[in-house]
C-alpha cells in the first residue's frame, strides 16, 4: 500500500507539467462530487459502489494534476493519505460501519477543503466540537473521571476527523500550536483532571479553536453547499458519538480487568 501511495504522488508530479485538461474549477468540482457520492454510498452500506467511485476519483485526480493550479506537497500528502484510508475503509473485510464512515467522511472533508474558496465543510462542525469540548471542561472542573475521559475521547474523535482538512486551510504554526495543546491534554489526563493549573490548558485550547473557526467563517458558505453540510454534519455527529462511547467503554473494561487482576 505504501508503494501505491508513492506511485500515486509520483504520477501527479509527472503529469503536473503537462498542459491543462480543461478548466480546473470544473475538475475540482467533479472530484468534490465524486467524494460526496462515495460517502453517501458508504452511508447506505453500499461498499462496492463506494469502492468503484473511489477508483473513479483516483483517475480523475490524476487527470486534474496537469491543471493550472498544481497541488502543493502538503496538499498531495494530505489527500493521498486520506484517499488511502478511505480505500481501506471500503475494501476491508472486518472494519465496522462506523469506522468506515469516519474514514470516508475525513476524506470527503479533505476534498472539500481543496475545493472551497470560502467556508469549507469542516468549519460547520464548530458547534458540535465546541459543545463536546464544553463537556470536557465541565467534567474536569467537577473532577468527574468517567465523564471527562468519555467527553475527551469524543472530542478527539471529531478533532482527528477534521484535522487533515484544517491543515489545508490553517497556517503550519497555528496548527502546531493547536496540536501541541491537544496532545498535552490527551497525554496528561490525570494532571488536567486533578490540577487547576493544568486546566488552564483547556481554556487556552478552547480560545484557539474559537479563533480558528471565527477566522474561517467570516464569509458565508455557498448556498448550494448547505445540503452537503447538513448531510455530512449529521454523519460526523453520529460517528463521533458512537466512537467516543465505544472507546470509553473499552477503557472502562480494561480498568475493571486490571482491578480484578490486582485482587487476585
Protein backbone atom coordinates (compact mmCIF):
# COMPACT_ATOMS: atom_id res chain seq x y z
CA UNK A 1 0.00 0.00 0.00
CA UNK A 2 2.89 2.37 0.74
CA UNK A 3 4.25 1.67 -2.72
CA UNK A 4 0.89 2.58 -4.20
CA UNK A 5 0.88 5.89 -2.34
CA UNK A 6 4.39 6.68 -3.58
CA UNK A 7 3.41 5.84 -7.15
CA UNK A 8 0.29 7.96 -6.80
CA UNK A 9 2.30 11.02 -5.77
CA UNK A 10 4.99 10.38 -8.39
CA UNK A 11 2.37 10.18 -11.11
CA UNK A 12 0.97 13.52 -10.03
CA UNK A 13 4.34 15.20 -10.39
CA UNK A 14 4.95 13.56 -13.77
CA UNK A 15 1.63 14.82 -15.04
CA UNK A 16 1.84 18.25 -13.42
CA UNK A 17 3.90 19.94 -16.19
CA UNK A 18 1.51 18.79 -18.90
CA UNK A 19 -0.99 21.14 -20.50
CA UNK A 20 -4.24 21.70 -18.64
CA UNK A 21 -7.04 19.25 -19.36
CA UNK A 22 -9.99 21.62 -19.19
CA UNK A 23 -10.96 24.15 -16.58
CA UNK A 24 -9.51 23.49 -13.11
CA UNK A 25 -12.64 24.65 -11.32
CA UNK A 26 -14.75 22.05 -13.13
CA UNK A 27 -12.12 19.39 -12.34
CA UNK A 28 -12.10 20.01 -8.60
CA UNK A 29 -15.89 20.31 -8.62
CA UNK A 30 -16.05 16.88 -10.22
CA UNK A 31 -13.70 15.44 -7.61
CA UNK A 32 -15.76 17.01 -4.86
CA UNK A 33 -18.94 15.48 -6.26
CA UNK A 34 -17.36 12.02 -6.54
CA UNK A 35 -16.13 12.14 -2.94
CA UNK A 36 -19.61 13.11 -1.76
CA UNK A 37 -21.19 10.25 -3.72
CA UNK A 38 -18.68 7.81 -2.21
CA UNK A 39 -19.64 8.98 1.28
CA UNK A 40 -23.33 8.57 0.55
CA UNK A 41 -22.72 5.02 -0.72
CA UNK A 42 -20.89 4.10 2.48
CA UNK A 43 -23.73 5.61 4.49
CA UNK A 44 -26.08 3.20 2.67
CA UNK A 45 -23.73 0.22 3.24
CA UNK A 46 -23.02 0.05 -0.49
CA UNK A 47 -19.30 -0.50 -0.11
CA UNK A 48 -18.69 -1.91 -3.59
CA UNK A 49 -20.25 1.18 -5.16
CA UNK A 50 -18.12 3.36 -2.91
CA UNK A 51 -15.02 1.41 -3.98
CA UNK A 52 -15.90 1.98 -7.64
CA UNK A 53 -16.35 5.70 -7.03
CA UNK A 54 -13.01 5.96 -5.25
CA UNK A 55 -11.35 4.28 -8.22
CA UNK A 56 -13.01 6.84 -10.47
CA UNK A 57 -11.78 9.60 -8.15
CA UNK A 58 -8.19 8.39 -8.47
CA UNK A 59 -8.38 8.52 -12.27
CA UNK A 60 -9.93 11.97 -12.28
CA UNK A 61 -7.42 13.25 -9.73
CA UNK A 62 -4.50 12.14 -11.89
CA UNK A 63 -6.08 13.85 -14.89
CA UNK A 64 -6.51 17.05 -12.91
CA UNK A 65 -2.81 17.09 -11.99
CA UNK A 66 -1.95 18.89 -15.20
CA UNK A 67 -4.27 21.80 -14.46
CA UNK A 68 -3.24 25.41 -13.96
CA UNK A 69 -3.47 25.00 -10.17
CA UNK A 70 -0.86 22.42 -9.12
CA UNK A 71 -1.21 20.97 -5.66
CA UNK A 72 1.44 21.69 -3.07
CA UNK A 73 3.46 18.91 -1.48
CA UNK A 74 1.47 19.21 1.75
CA UNK A 75 -1.83 19.03 -0.14
CA UNK A 76 -0.64 15.98 -2.08
CA UNK A 77 0.40 14.24 1.11
CA UNK A 78 -2.88 15.03 2.89
CA UNK A 79 -5.16 13.98 0.04
CA UNK A 80 -3.15 10.83 -0.67
CA UNK A 81 -3.25 9.64 2.95
CA UNK A 82 -6.95 10.48 3.23
CA UNK A 83 -7.66 8.61 -0.01
CA UNK A 84 -5.69 5.58 1.16
CA UNK A 85 -7.65 5.49 4.44
CA UNK A 86 -10.95 5.79 2.57
CA UNK A 87 -9.96 3.00 0.20
CA UNK A 88 -9.11 0.73 3.14
CA UNK A 89 -12.49 1.55 4.65
CA UNK A 90 -14.44 0.35 1.61
CA UNK A 91 -12.30 -2.73 0.94
CA UNK A 92 -11.79 -4.02 4.49
CA UNK A 93 -13.48 -7.28 5.42
CA UNK A 94 -13.59 -6.74 9.18
CA UNK A 95 -13.92 -2.97 9.64
CA UNK A 96 -17.11 -1.81 11.33
CA UNK A 97 -19.54 0.52 9.61
CA UNK A 98 -18.89 3.43 11.99
CA UNK A 99 -15.15 3.36 11.34
CA UNK A 100 -15.77 3.15 7.60
CA UNK A 101 -18.00 6.21 7.89
CA UNK A 102 -15.39 8.10 9.87
CA UNK A 103 -12.60 7.45 7.37
CA UNK A 104 -14.62 8.28 4.28
CA UNK A 105 -16.04 11.39 5.95
CA UNK A 106 -12.49 12.54 6.68
CA UNK A 107 -11.65 12.04 3.01
CA UNK A 108 -14.78 13.93 1.97
CA UNK A 109 -13.85 16.91 4.12
CA UNK A 110 -10.29 16.99 2.74
CA UNK A 111 -11.52 17.13 -0.86
CA UNK A 112 -13.93 19.91 0.02
CA UNK A 113 -11.13 21.86 1.74
CA UNK A 114 -9.14 21.70 -1.50
CA UNK A 115 -12.16 22.93 -3.43
CA UNK A 116 -13.75 25.58 -1.24
CA UNK A 117 -12.63 29.16 -1.64
CA UNK A 118 -14.81 30.35 1.19
CA UNK A 119 -16.25 28.40 4.10
CA UNK A 120 -15.16 24.73 3.91
CA UNK A 121 -17.36 21.96 5.25
CA UNK A 122 -15.17 21.23 8.25
CA UNK A 123 -15.93 24.67 9.71
CA UNK A 124 -19.60 23.71 10.02
CA UNK A 125 -18.55 21.43 12.88
CA UNK A 126 -17.78 24.42 15.11
CA UNK A 127 -20.87 23.99 17.30
CA UNK A 128 -20.53 20.20 17.78
CA UNK A 129 -16.82 20.34 18.57
CA UNK A 130 -17.14 23.28 20.98
CA UNK A 131 -20.18 21.70 22.64
CA UNK A 132 -18.30 18.46 23.23
CA UNK A 133 -15.27 20.40 24.46
CA UNK A 134 -17.54 22.27 26.86
CA UNK A 135 -18.44 18.88 28.35
CA UNK A 136 -14.72 18.13 28.71
CA UNK A 137 -14.17 21.36 30.67
CA UNK A 138 -17.20 20.81 32.88
CA UNK A 139 -16.16 17.26 33.76
CA UNK A 140 -12.61 18.45 34.53
CA UNK A 141 -13.88 21.19 36.84
CA UNK A 142 -16.14 18.73 38.66
CA UNK A 143 -13.43 16.07 38.87
CA UNK A 144 -15.64 13.51 37.13
CA UNK A 145 -13.17 10.99 35.74
CA UNK A 146 -15.69 8.95 33.74
CA UNK A 147 -17.37 11.89 32.02
CA UNK A 148 -14.02 13.60 31.45
CA UNK A 149 -12.50 10.64 29.60
CA UNK A 150 -15.66 9.89 27.62
CA UNK A 151 -16.07 13.53 26.56
CA UNK A 152 -12.38 13.92 25.74
CA UNK A 153 -12.44 10.76 23.62
CA UNK A 154 -15.44 12.13 21.75
CA UNK A 155 -13.68 15.44 21.21
CA UNK A 156 -10.55 13.69 19.95
CA UNK A 157 -12.59 11.59 17.50
CA UNK A 158 -14.07 14.72 15.98
CA UNK A 159 -10.78 16.60 16.06
CA UNK A 160 -8.97 13.80 14.25
CA UNK A 161 -11.72 13.72 11.64
CA UNK A 162 -11.34 17.39 10.70
CA UNK A 163 -7.61 17.72 11.40
CA UNK A 164 -6.39 16.88 7.84
CA UNK A 165 -8.80 19.44 6.40
CA UNK A 166 -7.66 22.05 8.90
CA UNK A 167 -4.06 21.52 7.78
CA UNK A 168 -5.05 22.58 4.28
CA UNK A 169 -6.61 25.85 5.41
CA UNK A 170 -4.64 26.81 8.53
CA UNK A 171 -1.02 28.00 8.66
CA UNK A 172 1.54 25.46 9.94
CA UNK A 173 2.47 27.46 13.04
CA UNK A 174 -1.16 27.70 14.20
CA UNK A 175 -1.73 24.01 13.54
CA UNK A 176 1.40 23.10 15.51
CA UNK A 177 0.28 25.20 18.46
CA UNK A 178 -3.20 23.68 18.37
CA UNK A 179 -1.83 20.16 18.09
CA UNK A 180 0.57 20.72 20.98
CA UNK A 181 -2.30 21.74 23.26
CA UNK A 182 -4.45 18.79 22.21
CA UNK A 183 -1.60 16.32 22.74
CA UNK A 184 -0.82 17.75 26.17
CA UNK A 185 -4.42 17.36 27.33
CA UNK A 186 -4.63 13.84 25.93
CA UNK A 187 -1.28 12.63 27.28
CA UNK A 188 -1.61 14.22 30.72
CA UNK A 189 -5.23 13.48 31.50
CA UNK A 190 -4.74 12.89 35.25
CA UNK A 191 -2.97 16.24 35.63
CA UNK A 192 -5.63 18.09 33.69
CA UNK A 193 -8.35 16.41 35.72
CA UNK A 194 -6.73 16.98 39.10
CA UNK A 195 -4.88 20.30 38.84
CA UNK A 196 -6.43 23.71 38.30
CA UNK A 197 -3.18 24.97 36.76
CA UNK A 198 -3.29 22.28 34.09
CA UNK A 199 -6.96 23.03 33.44
CA UNK A 200 -5.83 26.40 32.10
CA UNK A 201 -4.70 24.45 29.04
CA UNK A 202 -8.37 23.67 28.39
CA UNK A 203 -9.17 27.39 28.33
CA UNK A 204 -6.25 28.06 26.01
CA UNK A 205 -7.27 25.28 23.62
CA UNK A 206 -10.87 26.48 23.59
CA UNK A 207 -9.70 30.01 22.77
CA UNK A 208 -7.51 28.71 19.92
CA UNK A 209 -10.38 26.70 18.46
CA UNK A 210 -12.79 29.63 18.61
CA UNK A 211 -10.27 31.93 16.93
CA UNK A 212 -9.63 29.45 14.13
CA UNK A 213 -13.33 28.90 13.47
CA UNK A 214 -14.03 32.65 13.61
CA UNK A 215 -11.26 33.39 11.12
CA UNK A 216 -12.50 30.70 8.75
CA UNK A 217 -16.21 31.58 8.87
CA UNK A 218 -16.11 35.29 8.08
CA UNK A 219 -17.54 34.57 4.64
CA UNK A 220 -20.88 32.90 4.12
CA UNK A 221 -20.90 29.40 2.66
CA UNK A 222 -22.11 28.84 -0.89
CA UNK A 223 -25.90 28.24 -0.58
CA UNK A 224 -25.60 25.24 -2.91
CA UNK A 225 -23.42 23.51 -0.30
CA UNK A 226 -25.91 23.61 2.56
CA UNK A 227 -27.47 20.25 1.76
CA UNK A 228 -23.98 18.71 1.75
CA UNK A 229 -23.13 20.45 5.02
CA UNK A 230 -26.26 19.15 6.73
CA UNK A 231 -25.77 15.60 5.45
CA UNK A 232 -22.06 15.43 6.25
CA UNK A 233 -22.55 17.09 9.63
CA UNK A 234 -25.14 14.55 10.74
CA UNK A 235 -22.85 11.72 9.70
CA UNK A 236 -19.94 13.14 11.67
CA UNK A 237 -22.01 13.69 14.80
CA UNK A 238 -23.38 10.13 14.74
CA UNK A 239 -19.91 8.69 14.19
CA UNK A 240 -18.42 10.90 16.89
CA UNK A 241 -20.95 9.82 19.49
CA UNK A 242 -20.51 6.12 18.75
CA UNK A 243 -16.70 6.16 18.59
CA UNK A 244 -16.39 8.16 21.82
CA UNK A 245 -18.77 5.86 23.66
CA UNK A 246 -17.05 2.73 22.33
CA UNK A 247 -13.59 3.93 23.32
CA UNK A 248 -14.78 4.91 26.79
CA UNK A 249 -16.43 1.52 27.21
CA UNK A 250 -13.22 -0.22 26.15
CA UNK A 251 -11.10 1.84 28.54
CA UNK A 252 -13.56 1.14 31.35
CA UNK A 253 -13.43 -2.61 30.72
CA UNK A 254 -9.62 -2.59 30.73
CA UNK A 255 -9.62 -0.74 34.06
CA UNK A 256 -12.02 -3.24 35.60
CA UNK A 257 -9.89 -6.13 34.32
CA UNK A 258 -6.77 -4.62 35.91
CA UNK A 259 -8.58 -4.16 39.20
CA UNK A 260 -9.68 -7.79 39.16
CA UNK A 261 -6.12 -8.95 38.46
CA UNK A 262 -4.84 -6.97 41.44
CA UNK A 263 -7.41 -8.51 43.74
CA UNK A 264 -6.45 -12.00 42.60
